[in-house]
Amino acid sequence: TTLHLTTDIVAMPLIWVVPLGLYLLSFVAAFAPDRRAAALI
């Protein structure tokens, strides 16, 4: 996603932070005891 984003869509500095941040936050939602957010997603 980072390569596709920075190569074919928008080659913007620091844009790599966004996909990596979303990847890390996905664990927060997925491993939360309350499963409602993960189910909705």
Full PDB file with SEQRES, HELIX, SHEET, SSBOND, CRYST1, ORIGX, SCALE, CONECT and MASTER records, all heavy atoms in Angstrom:
SEQRES   1 A   41  THR THR LEU HIS LEU THR THR ASP ILE VAL ALA MET PRO          
SEQRES   2 A   41  LEU ILE TRP VAL VAL PRO LEU GLY LEU TYR LEU LEU SER          
SEQRES   3 A   41  PHE VAL ALA ALA PHE ALA PRO ASP ARG ARG ALA ALA ALA          
SEQRES   4 A   41  LEU ILE                                                      
HELIX    1 AA1 THR A    2  HIS A    4  1                                   3    
HELIX    2 AA2 LEU A    5  ILE A    9  3                                   5    
HELIX    3 AA3 VAL A   17  ALA A   30  1                                  14    
HELIX    4 AA4 ARG A   36  LEU A   40  1                                   5    
CRYST1    1.000    1.000    1.000  90.00  90.00  90.00 P 1           1          
ORIGX1      1.000000  0.000000  0.000000        0.00000                         
ORIGX2      0.000000  1.000000  0.000000        0.00000                         
ORIGX3      0.000000  0.000000  1.000000        0.00000                         
SCALE1      1.000000  0.000000  0.000000        0.00000                         
SCALE2      0.000000  1.000000  0.000000        0.00000                         
SCALE3      0.000000  0.000000  1.000000        0.00000                         
ATOM      1  N   THR A   1       0.834  -1.199   0.000  1.00  0.00           N  
ATOM      2  CA  THR A   1       0.000   0.000   0.000  1.00  0.00           C  
ATOM      3  C   THR A   1       0.870   1.251   0.000  1.00  0.00           C  
ATOM      4  O   THR A   1       0.597   2.218  -0.726  1.00  0.00           O  
ATOM      5  CB  THR A   1      -0.928   0.013   1.226  1.00  0.00           C  
ATOM      6  OG1 THR A   1      -1.819  -1.099   1.149  1.00  0.00           O  
ATOM      7  CG2 THR A   1      -1.746   1.293   1.274  1.00  0.00           C  
ATOM      8  N   THR A   2       1.915   1.246   0.809  1.00  0.00           N  
ATOM      9  CA  THR A   2       2.812   2.404   0.857  1.00  0.00           C  
ATOM     10  C   THR A   2       3.459   2.638  -0.493  1.00  0.00           C  
ATOM     11  O   THR A   2       3.522   3.776  -0.987  1.00  0.00           O  
ATOM     12  CB  THR A   2       3.892   2.192   1.933  1.00  0.00           C  
ATOM     13  OG1 THR A   2       3.263   1.964   3.198  1.00  0.00           O  
ATOM     14  CG2 THR A   2       4.788   3.409   2.037  1.00  0.00           C  
ATOM     15  N   LEU A   3       3.961   1.572  -1.121  1.00  0.00           N  
ATOM     16  CA  LEU A   3       4.597   1.703  -2.424  1.00  0.00           C  
ATOM     17  C   LEU A   3       3.589   2.145  -3.478  1.00  0.00           C  
ATOM     18  O   LEU A   3       3.866   3.032  -4.295  1.00  0.00           O  
ATOM     19  CB  LEU A   3       5.243   0.376  -2.826  1.00  0.00           C  
ATOM     20  CG  LEU A   3       5.979   0.364  -4.168  1.00  0.00           C  
ATOM     21  CD1 LEU A   3       7.112   1.375  -4.169  1.00  0.00           C  
ATOM     22  CD2 LEU A   3       6.508  -1.027  -4.473  1.00  0.00           C  
ATOM     23  N   HIS A   4       2.404   1.537  -3.484  1.00  0.00           N  
ATOM     24  CA  HIS A   4       1.365   1.899  -4.445  1.00  0.00           C  
ATOM     25  C   HIS A   4       0.940   3.351  -4.257  1.00  0.00           C  
ATOM     26  O   HIS A   4       0.770   4.101  -5.228  1.00  0.00           O  
ATOM     27  CB  HIS A   4       0.167   0.965  -4.265  1.00  0.00           C  
ATOM     28  CG  HIS A   4      -0.997   1.276  -5.154  1.00  0.00           C  
ATOM     29  ND1 HIS A   4      -0.922   1.229  -6.521  1.00  0.00           N  
ATOM     30  CD2 HIS A   4      -2.277   1.647  -4.859  1.00  0.00           C  
ATOM     31  CE1 HIS A   4      -2.106   1.542  -7.037  1.00  0.00           C  
ATOM     32  NE2 HIS A   4      -2.926   1.808  -6.055  1.00  0.00           N  
ATOM     33  N   LEU A   5       0.807   3.774  -3.013  1.00  0.00           N  
ATOM     34  CA  LEU A   5       0.369   5.128  -2.701  1.00  0.00           C  
ATOM     35  C   LEU A   5       1.411   6.150  -3.135  1.00  0.00           C  
ATOM     36  O   LEU A   5       1.093   7.156  -3.775  1.00  0.00           O  
ATOM     37  CB  LEU A   5       0.108   5.237  -1.198  1.00  0.00           C  
ATOM     38  CG  LEU A   5      -0.744   6.399  -0.693  1.00  0.00           C  
ATOM     39  CD1 LEU A   5      -2.165   6.283  -1.200  1.00  0.00           C  
ATOM     40  CD2 LEU A   5      -0.731   6.430   0.828  1.00  0.00           C  
ATOM     41  N   THR A   6       2.670   5.909  -2.786  1.00  0.00           N  
ATOM     42  CA  THR A   6       3.720   6.889  -3.057  1.00  0.00           C  
ATOM     43  C   THR A   6       4.208   6.851  -4.500  1.00  0.00           C  
ATOM     44  O   THR A   6       4.801   7.819  -4.967  1.00  0.00           O  
ATOM     45  CB  THR A   6       4.923   6.670  -2.122  1.00  0.00           C  
ATOM     46  OG1 THR A   6       5.396   5.328  -2.272  1.00  0.00           O  
ATOM     47  CG2 THR A   6       4.532   6.878  -0.675  1.00  0.00           C  
ATOM     48  N   THR A   7       3.948   5.752  -5.205  1.00  0.00           N  
ATOM     49  CA  THR A   7       4.407   5.645  -6.589  1.00  0.00           C  
ATOM     50  C   THR A   7       3.316   6.035  -7.571  1.00  0.00           C  
ATOM     51  O   THR A   7       3.536   6.833  -8.482  1.00  0.00           O  
ATOM     52  CB  THR A   7       4.866   4.210  -6.899  1.00  0.00           C  
ATOM     53  OG1 THR A   7       5.962   3.881  -6.045  1.00  0.00           O  
ATOM     54  CG2 THR A   7       5.300   4.084  -8.349  1.00  0.00           C  
ATOM     55  N   ASP A   8       2.116   5.499  -7.407  1.00  0.00           N  
ATOM     56  CA  ASP A   8       1.080   5.625  -8.424  1.00  0.00           C  
ATOM     57  C   ASP A   8      -0.018   6.626  -8.090  1.00  0.00           C  
ATOM     58  O   ASP A   8      -0.841   6.930  -8.949  1.00  0.00           O  
ATOM     59  CB  ASP A   8       0.418   4.259  -8.676  1.00  0.00           C  
ATOM     60  CG  ASP A   8       1.405   3.240  -9.218  1.00  0.00           C  
ATOM     61  OD1 ASP A   8       2.088   3.580 -10.189  1.00  0.00           O  
ATOM     62  OD2 ASP A   8       1.498   2.145  -8.657  1.00  0.00           O  
ATOM     63  N   ILE A   9      -0.068   7.110  -6.855  1.00  0.00           N  
ATOM     64  CA  ILE A   9      -1.183   7.989  -6.483  1.00  0.00           C  
ATOM     65  C   ILE A   9      -0.697   9.358  -6.038  1.00  0.00           C  
ATOM     66  O   ILE A   9      -0.981  10.369  -6.662  1.00  0.00           O  
ATOM     67  CB  ILE A   9      -2.068   7.328  -5.397  1.00  0.00           C  
ATOM     68  CG1 ILE A   9      -2.664   6.014  -5.944  1.00  0.00           C  
ATOM     69  CG2 ILE A   9      -3.196   8.267  -4.991  1.00  0.00           C  
ATOM     70  CD1 ILE A   9      -3.573   5.292  -4.974  1.00  0.00           C  
ATOM     71  N   VAL A  10       0.055   9.424  -4.948  1.00  0.00           N  
ATOM     72  CA  VAL A  10       0.509  10.719  -4.446  1.00  0.00           C  
ATOM     73  C   VAL A  10       1.880  10.552  -3.801  1.00  0.00           C  
ATOM     74  O   VAL A  10       2.002   9.977  -2.730  1.00  0.00           O  
ATOM     75  CB  VAL A  10      -0.516  11.335  -3.459  1.00  0.00           C  
ATOM     76  CG1 VAL A  10      -0.908  10.362  -2.371  1.00  0.00           C  
ATOM     77  CG2 VAL A  10       0.016  12.638  -2.863  1.00  0.00           C  
ATOM     78  N   ALA A  11       2.929  11.044  -4.497  1.00  0.00           N  
ATOM     79  CA  ALA A  11       4.307  10.897  -4.015  1.00  0.00           C  
ATOM     80  C   ALA A  11       4.630  12.030  -3.058  1.00  0.00           C  
ATOM     81  O   ALA A  11       5.407  12.930  -3.352  1.00  0.00           O  
ATOM     82  CB  ALA A  11       5.274  10.897  -5.197  1.00  0.00           C  
ATOM     83  N   MET A  12       4.053  11.995  -1.872  1.00  0.00           N  
ATOM     84  CA  MET A  12       4.174  13.088  -0.907  1.00  0.00           C  
ATOM     85  C   MET A  12       5.081  12.678   0.240  1.00  0.00           C  
ATOM     86  O   MET A  12       4.972  11.561   0.755  1.00  0.00           O  
ATOM     87  CB  MET A  12       2.796  13.457  -0.362  1.00  0.00           C  
ATOM     88  CG  MET A  12       2.800  14.642   0.584  1.00  0.00           C  
ATOM     89  SD  MET A  12       1.136  15.078   1.106  1.00  0.00           S  
ATOM     90  CE  MET A  12       1.489  16.475   2.170  1.00  0.00           C  
ATOM     91  N   PRO A  13       5.998  13.559   0.662  1.00  0.00           N  
ATOM     92  CA  PRO A  13       6.863  13.223   1.797  1.00  0.00           C  
ATOM     93  C   PRO A  13       6.052  12.915   3.048  1.00  0.00           C  
ATOM     94  O   PRO A  13       4.988  13.492   3.283  1.00  0.00           O  
ATOM     95  CB  PRO A  13       7.696  14.503   1.983  1.00  0.00           C  
ATOM     96  CG  PRO A  13       7.655  15.186   0.658  1.00  0.00           C  
ATOM     97  CD  PRO A  13       6.317  14.870   0.073  1.00  0.00           C  
ATOM     98  N   LEU A  14       6.559  11.992   3.843  1.00  0.00           N  
ATOM     99  CA  LEU A  14       5.969  11.573   5.123  1.00  0.00           C  
ATOM    100  C   LEU A  14       4.650  10.822   4.955  1.00  0.00           C  
ATOM    101  O   LEU A  14       4.040  10.445   5.951  1.00  0.00           O  
ATOM    102  CB  LEU A  14       5.757  12.765   6.063  1.00  0.00           C  
ATOM    103  CG  LEU A  14       7.027  13.514   6.506  1.00  0.00           C  
ATOM    104  CD1 LEU A  14       6.657  14.684   7.409  1.00  0.00           C  
ATOM    105  CD2 LEU A  14       7.996  12.590   7.219  1.00  0.00           C  
ATOM    106  N   ILE A  15       4.195  10.590   3.709  1.00  0.00           N  
ATOM    107  CA  ILE A  15       2.925   9.890   3.525  1.00  0.00           C  
ATOM    108  C   ILE A  15       3.014   8.456   4.020  1.00  0.00           C  
ATOM    109  O   ILE A  15       2.016   7.832   4.377  1.00  0.00           O  
ATOM    110  CB  ILE A  15       2.491   9.933   2.035  1.00  0.00           C  
ATOM    111  CG1 ILE A  15       1.014   9.531   1.875  1.00  0.00           C  
ATOM    112  CG2 ILE A  15       3.374   9.055   1.206  1.00  0.00           C  
ATOM    113  CD1 ILE A  15       0.055  10.502   2.444  1.00  0.00           C  
ATOM    114  N   TRP A  16       4.248   7.911   4.101  1.00  0.00           N  
ATOM    115  CA  TRP A  16       4.432   6.539   4.570  1.00  0.00           C  
ATOM    116  C   TRP A  16       3.983   6.375   6.017  1.00  0.00           C  
ATOM    117  O   TRP A  16       3.676   5.256   6.445  1.00  0.00           O  
ATOM    118  CB  TRP A  16       5.899   6.131   4.438  1.00  0.00           C  
ATOM    119  CG  TRP A  16       6.835   7.007   5.216  1.00  0.00           C  
ATOM    120  CD1 TRP A  16       7.466   8.125   4.768  1.00  0.00           C  
ATOM    121  CD2 TRP A  16       7.229   6.846   6.583  1.00  0.00           C  
ATOM    122  NE1 TRP A  16       8.233   8.683   5.762  1.00  0.00           N  
ATOM    123  CE2 TRP A  16       8.109   7.918   6.887  1.00  0.00           C  
ATOM    124  CE3 TRP A  16       6.938   5.916   7.573  1.00  0.00           C  
ATOM    125  CZ2 TRP A  16       8.686   8.072   8.144  1.00  0.00           C  
ATOM    126  CZ3 TRP A  16       7.524   6.067   8.825  1.00  0.00           C  
ATOM    127  CH2 TRP A  16       8.376   7.124   9.099  1.00  0.00           C  
ATOM    128  N   VAL A  17       3.939   7.470   6.765  1.00  0.00           N  
ATOM    129  CA  VAL A  17       3.525   7.393   8.163  1.00  0.00           C  
ATOM    130  C   VAL A  17       2.063   6.948   8.270  1.00  0.00           C  
ATOM    131  O   VAL A  17       1.688   6.234   9.198  1.00  0.00           O  
ATOM    132  CB  VAL A  17       3.728   8.753   8.859  1.00  0.00           C  
ATOM    133  CG1 VAL A  17       3.124   8.754  10.260  1.00  0.00           C  
ATOM    134  CG2 VAL A  17       5.208   9.090   8.927  1.00  0.00           C  
ATOM    135  N   VAL A  18       1.237   7.366   7.310  1.00  0.00           N  
ATOM    136  CA  VAL A  18      -0.212   7.104   7.402  1.00  0.00           C  
ATOM    137  C   VAL A  18      -0.522   5.613   7.307  1.00  0.00           C  
ATOM    138  O   VAL A  18      -1.202   5.068   8.189  1.00  0.00           O  
ATOM    139  CB  VAL A  18      -0.967   7.911   6.334  1.00  0.00           C  
ATOM    140  CG1 VAL A  18      -2.470   7.625   6.418  1.00  0.00           C  
ATOM    141  CG2 VAL A  18      -0.702   9.408   6.521  1.00  0.00           C  
ATOM    142  N   PRO A  19      -0.075   4.890   6.253  1.00  0.00           N  
ATOM    143  CA  PRO A  19      -0.398   3.453   6.223  1.00  0.00           C  
ATOM    144  C   PRO A  19       0.195   2.676   7.378  1.00  0.00           C  
ATOM    145  O   PRO A  19      -0.450   1.770   7.917  1.00  0.00           O  
ATOM    146  CB  PRO A  19       0.165   2.981   4.876  1.00  0.00           C  
ATOM    147  CG  PRO A  19       1.085   4.045   4.416  1.00  0.00           C  
ATOM    148  CD  PRO A  19       0.610   5.319   5.011  1.00  0.00           C  
ATOM    149  N   LEU A  20       1.419   3.012   7.794  1.00  0.00           N  
ATOM    150  CA  LEU A  20       2.016   2.302   8.918  1.00  0.00           C  
ATOM    151  C   LEU A  20       1.240   2.574  10.209  1.00  0.00           C  
ATOM    152  O   LEU A  20       1.015   1.666  11.017  1.00  0.00           O  
ATOM    153  CB  LEU A  20       3.479   2.706   9.078  1.00  0.00           C  
ATOM    154  CG  LEU A  20       4.258   1.999  10.193  1.00  0.00           C  
ATOM    155  CD1 LEU A  20       4.162   0.483  10.060  1.00  0.00           C  
ATOM    156  CD2 LEU A  20       5.721   2.439  10.181  1.00  0.00           C  
ATOM    157  N   GLY A  21       0.802   3.812  10.382  1.00  0.00           N  
ATOM    158  CA  GLY A  21      -0.002   4.137  11.557  1.00  0.00           C  
ATOM    159  C   GLY A  21      -1.330   3.398  11.567  1.00  0.00           C  
ATOM    160  O   GLY A  21      -1.771   2.901  12.613  1.00  0.00           O  
ATOM    161  N   LEU A  22      -1.987   3.308  10.411  1.00  0.00           N  
ATOM    162  CA  LEU A  22      -3.263   2.575  10.340  1.00  0.00           C  
ATOM    163  C   LEU A  22      -3.061   1.092  10.627  1.00  0.00           C  
ATOM    164  O   LEU A  22      -3.901   0.452  11.272  1.00  0.00           O  
ATOM    165  CB  LEU A  22      -3.891   2.768   8.955  1.00  0.00           C  
ATOM    166  CG  LEU A  22      -4.400   4.174   8.634  1.00  0.00           C  
ATOM    167  CD1 LEU A  22      -4.883   4.253   7.196  1.00  0.00           C  
ATOM    168  CD2 LEU A  22      -5.525   4.577   9.592  1.00  0.00           C  
ATOM    169  N   TYR A  23      -1.954   0.548  10.136  1.00  0.00           N  
ATOM    170  CA  TYR A  23      -1.645  -0.863  10.401  1.00  0.00           C  
ATOM    171  C   TYR A  23      -1.504  -1.109  11.904  1.00  0.00           C  
ATOM    172  O   TYR A  23      -2.048  -2.079  12.448  1.00  0.00           O  
ATOM    173  CB  TYR A  23      -0.364  -1.233   9.662  1.00  0.00           C  
ATOM    174  CG  TYR A  23       0.194  -2.599  10.002  1.00  0.00           C  
ATOM    175  CD1 TYR A  23      -0.361  -3.750   9.462  1.00  0.00           C  
ATOM    176  CD2 TYR A  23       1.289  -2.724  10.851  1.00  0.00           C  
ATOM    177  CE1 TYR A  23       0.155  -5.004   9.766  1.00  0.00           C  
ATOM    178  CE2 TYR A  23       1.812  -3.964  11.160  1.00  0.00           C  
ATOM    179  CZ  TYR A  23       1.243  -5.104  10.616  1.00  0.00           C  
ATOM    180  OH  TYR A  23       1.751  -6.345  10.931  1.00  0.00           O  
ATOM    181  N   LEU A  24      -0.807  -0.229  12.599  1.00  0.00           N  
ATOM    182  CA  LEU A  24      -0.629  -0.389  14.047  1.00  0.00           C  
ATOM    183  C   LEU A  24      -1.951  -0.213  14.786  1.00  0.00           C  
ATOM    184  O   LEU A  24      -2.261  -0.957  15.721  1.00  0.00           O  
ATOM    185  CB  LEU A  24       0.401   0.619  14.556  1.00  0.00           C  
ATOM    186  CG  LEU A  24       1.831   0.430  14.038  1.00  0.00           C  
ATOM    187  CD1 LEU A  24       2.708   1.589  14.466  1.00  0.00           C  
ATOM    188  CD2 LEU A  24       2.409  -0.891  14.530  1.00  0.00           C  
ATOM    189  N   LEU A  25      -2.745   0.766  14.356  1.00  0.00           N  
ATOM    190  CA  LEU A  25      -4.033   0.990  15.020  1.00  0.00           C  
ATOM    191  C   LEU A  25      -5.005  -0.165  14.785  1.00  0.00           C  
ATOM    192  O   LEU A  25      -5.928  -0.374  15.582  1.00  0.00           O  
ATOM    193  CB  LEU A  25      -4.652   2.300  14.526  1.00  0.00           C  
ATOM    194  CG  LEU A  25      -3.958   3.582  14.993  1.00  0.00           C  
ATOM    195  CD1 LEU A  25      -4.626   4.802  14.374  1.00  0.00           C  
ATOM    196  CD2 LEU A  25      -3.975   3.688  16.518  1.00  0.00           C  
ATOM    197  N   SER A  26      -4.788  -0.909  13.696  1.00  0.00           N  
ATOM    198  CA  SER A  26      -5.677  -2.051  13.449  1.00  0.00           C  
ATOM    199  C   SER A  26      -5.572  -3.080  14.567  1.00  0.00           C  
ATOM    200  O   SER A  26      -6.560  -3.738  14.921  1.00  0.00           O  
ATOM    201  CB  SER A  26      -5.349  -2.692  12.096  1.00  0.00           C  
ATOM    202  OG  SER A  26      -4.125  -3.422  12.143  1.00  0.00           O  
ATOM    203  N   PHE A  27      -4.382  -3.243  15.150  1.00  0.00           N  
ATOM    204  CA  PHE A  27      -4.227  -4.159  16.279  1.00  0.00           C  
ATOM    205  C   PHE A  27      -4.995  -3.663  17.499  1.00  0.00           C  
ATOM    206  O   PHE A  27      -5.527  -4.460  18.265  1.00  0.00           O  
ATOM    207  CB  PHE A  27      -2.743  -4.308  16.639  1.00  0.00           C  
ATOM    208  CG  PHE A  27      -1.965  -5.185  15.712  1.00  0.00           C  
ATOM    209  CD1 PHE A  27      -1.097  -4.639  14.783  1.00  0.00           C  
ATOM    210  CD2 PHE A  27      -2.100  -6.565  15.764  1.00  0.00           C  
ATOM    211  CE1 PHE A  27      -0.365  -5.444  13.938  1.00  0.00           C  
ATOM    212  CE2 PHE A  27      -1.370  -7.383  14.912  1.00  0.00           C  
ATOM    213  CZ  PHE A  27      -0.505  -6.822  13.997  1.00  0.00           C  
ATOM    214  N   VAL A  28      -5.030  -2.348  17.667  1.00  0.00           N  
ATOM    215  CA  VAL A  28      -5.748  -1.777  18.809  1.00  0.00           C  
ATOM    216  C   VAL A  28      -7.227  -2.125  18.720  1.00  0.00           C  
ATOM    217  O   VAL A  28      -7.845  -2.523  19.708  1.00  0.00           O  
ATOM    218  CB  VAL A  28      -5.545  -0.252  18.866  1.00  0.00           C  
ATOM    219  CG1 VAL A  28      -6.312   0.352  20.032  1.00  0.00           C  
ATOM    220  CG2 VAL A  28      -4.060   0.084  18.983  1.00  0.00           C  
ATOM    221  N   ALA A  29      -7.796  -1.969  17.518  1.00  0.00           N  
ATOM    222  CA  ALA A  29      -9.213  -2.299  17.343  1.00  0.00           C  
ATOM    223  C   ALA A  29      -9.447  -3.806  17.387  1.00  0.00           C  
ATOM    224  O   ALA A  29     -10.422  -4.279  17.979  1.00  0.00           O  
ATOM    225  CB  ALA A  29      -9.717  -1.727  16.017  1.00  0.00           C  
ATOM    226  N   ALA A  30      -8.546  -4.572  16.759  1.00  0.00           N  
ATOM    227  CA  ALA A  30      -8.750  -6.020  16.655  1.00  0.00           C  
ATOM    228  C   ALA A  30      -8.582  -6.733  17.983  1.00  0.00           C  
ATOM    229  O   ALA A  30      -9.247  -7.748  18.241  1.00  0.00           O  
ATOM    230  CB  ALA A  30      -7.794  -6.605  15.620  1.00  0.00           C  
ATOM    231  N   PHE A  31      -7.687  -6.248  18.866  1.00  0.00           N  
ATOM    232  CA  PHE A  31      -7.404  -6.921  20.128  1.00  0.00           C  
ATOM    233  C   PHE A  31      -8.124  -6.273  21.310  1.00  0.00           C  
ATOM    234  O   PHE A  31      -7.806  -6.575  22.457  1.00  0.00           O  
ATOM    235  CB  PHE A  31      -5.892  -6.944  20.375  1.00  0.00           C  
ATOM    236  CG  PHE A  31      -5.181  -8.047  19.642  1.00  0.00           C  
ATOM    237  CD1 PHE A  31      -5.091  -8.048  18.265  1.00  0.00           C  
ATOM    238  CD2 PHE A  31      -4.604  -9.099  20.332  1.00  0.00           C  
ATOM    239  CE1 PHE A  31      -4.451  -9.060  17.578  1.00  0.00           C  
ATOM    240  CE2 PHE A  31      -3.952 -10.131  19.664  1.00  0.00           C  
ATOM    241  CZ  PHE A  31      -3.879 -10.110  18.283  1.00  0.00           C  
ATOM    242  N   ALA A  32      -9.074  -5.400  21.026  1.00  0.00           N  
ATOM    243  CA  ALA A  32      -9.846  -4.786  22.108  1.00  0.00           C  
ATOM    244  C   ALA A  32     -10.828  -5.805  22.691  1.00  0.00           C  
ATOM    245  O   ALA A  32     -11.412  -6.608  21.947  1.00  0.00           O  
ATOM    246  CB  ALA A  32     -10.605  -3.570  21.588  1.00  0.00           C  
ATOM    247  N   PRO A  33     -11.039  -5.797  24.018  1.00  0.00           N  
ATOM    248  CA  PRO A  33     -12.001  -6.734  24.614  1.00  0.00           C  
ATOM    249  C   PRO A  33     -13.417  -6.536  24.089  1.00  0.00           C  
ATOM    250  O   PRO A  33     -14.174  -7.496  23.930  1.00  0.00           O  
ATOM    251  CB  PRO A  33     -11.907  -6.424  26.116  1.00  0.00           C  
ATOM    252  CG  PRO A  33     -10.592  -5.744  26.298  1.00  0.00           C  
ATOM    253  CD  PRO A  33     -10.332  -4.993  25.032  1.00  0.00           C  
ATOM    254  N   ASP A  34     -13.783  -5.279  23.822  1.00  0.00           N  
ATOM    255  CA  ASP A  34     -15.092  -4.982  23.257  1.00  0.00           C  
ATOM    256  C   ASP A  34     -15.033  -5.250  21.753  1.00  0.00           C  
ATOM    257  O   ASP A  34     -14.297  -4.587  21.023  1.00  0.00           O  
ATOM    258  CB  ASP A  34     -15.451  -3.517  23.525  1.00  0.00           C  
ATOM    259  CG  ASP A  34     -16.897  -3.191  23.149  1.00  0.00           C  
ATOM    260  OD1 ASP A  34     -17.478  -3.921  22.320  1.00  0.00           O  
ATOM    261  OD2 ASP A  34     -17.445  -2.212  23.697  1.00  0.00           O  
ATOM    262  N   ARG A  35     -15.796  -6.200  21.283  1.00  0.00           N  
ATOM    263  CA  ARG A  35     -15.689  -6.654  19.903  1.00  0.00           C  
ATOM    264  C   ARG A  35     -16.601  -5.901  18.936  1.00  0.00           C  
ATOM    265  O   ARG A  35     -16.607  -6.189  17.738  1.00  0.00           O  
ATOM    266  CB  ARG A  35     -16.040  -8.158  19.806  1.00  0.00           C  
ATOM    267  CG  ARG A  35     -15.310  -9.047  20.782  1.00  0.00           C  
ATOM    268  CD  ARG A  35     -13.797  -8.911  20.649  1.00  0.00           C  
ATOM    269  NE  ARG A  35     -13.338  -9.289  19.331  1.00  0.00           N  
ATOM    270  CZ  ARG A  35     -12.267  -8.782  18.743  1.00  0.00           C  
ATOM    271  NH1 ARG A  35     -11.563  -7.838  19.339  1.00  0.00           N  
ATOM    272  NH2 ARG A  35     -11.897  -9.204  17.550  1.00  0.00           N  
ATOM    273  N   ARG A  36     -17.353  -4.916  19.423  1.00  0.00           N  
ATOM    274  CA  ARG A  36     -18.321  -4.256  18.548  1.00  0.00           C  
ATOM    275  C   ARG A  36     -17.642  -3.481  17.416  1.00  0.00           C  
ATOM    276  O   ARG A  36     -18.094  -3.527  16.264  1.00  0.00           O  
ATOM    277  CB  ARG A  36     -19.211  -3.327  19.371  1.00  0.00           C  
ATOM    278  CG  ARG A  36     -20.241  -4.069  20.239  1.00  0.00           C  
ATOM    279  CD  ARG A  36     -21.025  -3.108  21.105  1.00  0.00           C  
ATOM    280  NE  ARG A  36     -20.167  -2.462  22.114  1.00  0.00           N  
ATOM    281  CZ  ARG A  36     -20.614  -1.597  23.017  1.00  0.00           C  
ATOM    282  NH1 ARG A  36     -21.896  -1.271  23.037  1.00  0.00           N  
ATOM    283  NH2 ARG A  36     -19.780  -1.068  23.897  1.00  0.00           N  
ATOM    284  N   ALA A  37     -16.575  -2.761  17.718  1.00  0.00           N  
ATOM    285  CA  ALA A  37     -15.892  -1.989  16.673  1.00  0.00           C  
ATOM    286  C   ALA A  37     -15.309  -2.914  15.615  1.00  0.00           C  
ATOM    287  O   ALA A  37     -15.438  -2.659  14.407  1.00  0.00           O  
ATOM    288  CB  ALA A  37     -14.796  -1.134  17.298  1.00  0.00           C  
ATOM    289  N   ALA A  38     -14.661  -3.996  16.044  1.00  0.00           N  
ATOM    290  CA  ALA A  38     -14.077  -4.936  15.084  1.00  0.00           C  
ATOM    291  C   ALA A  38     -15.163  -5.576  14.219  1.00  0.00           C  
ATOM    292  O   ALA A  38     -14.962  -5.783  13.011  1.00  0.00           O  
ATOM    293  CB  ALA A  38     -13.288  -6.008  15.824  1.00  0.00           C  
ATOM    294  N   ALA A  39     -16.317  -5.879  14.819  1.00  0.00           N  
ATOM    295  CA  ALA A  39     -17.409  -6.487  14.052  1.00  0.00           C  
ATOM    296  C   ALA A  39     -17.951  -5.520  13.006  1.00  0.00           C  
ATOM    297  O   ALA A  39     -18.231  -5.903  11.863  1.00  0.00           O  
ATOM    298  CB  ALA A  39     -18.520  -6.930  14.996  1.00  0.00           C  
ATOM    299  N   LEU A  40     -18.088  -4.246  13.385  1.00  0.00           N  
ATOM    300  CA  LEU A  40     -18.584  -3.243  12.439  1.00  0.00           C  
ATOM    301  C   LEU A  40     -17.603  -3.068  11.285  1.00  0.00           C  
ATOM    302  O   LEU A  40     -18.002  -3.023  10.113  1.00  0.00           O  
ATOM    303  CB  LEU A  40     -18.795  -1.917  13.165  1.00  0.00           C  
ATOM    304  CG  LEU A  40     -19.213  -0.729  12.286  1.00  0.00           C  
ATOM    305  CD1 LEU A  40     -20.550  -1.011  11.612  1.00  0.00           C  
ATOM    306  CD2 LEU A  40     -19.276   0.558  13.100  1.00  0.00           C  
ATOM    307  N   ILE A  41     -16.323  -2.980  11.596  1.00  0.00           N  
ATOM    308  CA  ILE A  41     -15.311  -2.818  10.551  1.00  0.00           C  
ATOM    309  C   ILE A  41     -15.288  -4.040   9.638  1.00  0.00           C  
ATOM    310  O   ILE A  41     -15.096  -3.928   8.424  1.00  0.00           O  
ATOM    311  CB  ILE A  41     -13.931  -2.574  11.189  1.00  0.00           C  
ATOM    312  CG1 ILE A  41     -13.930  -1.217  11.903  1.00  0.00           C  
ATOM    313  CG2 ILE A  41     -12.819  -2.623  10.148  1.00  0.00           C  
ATOM    314  CD1 ILE A  41     -12.696  -0.964  12.736  1.00  0.00           C  
TER     315      ILE A  41                                                      
MASTER        0    0    0    4    0    0    0    6  314    1    0    4          
END                                                                             
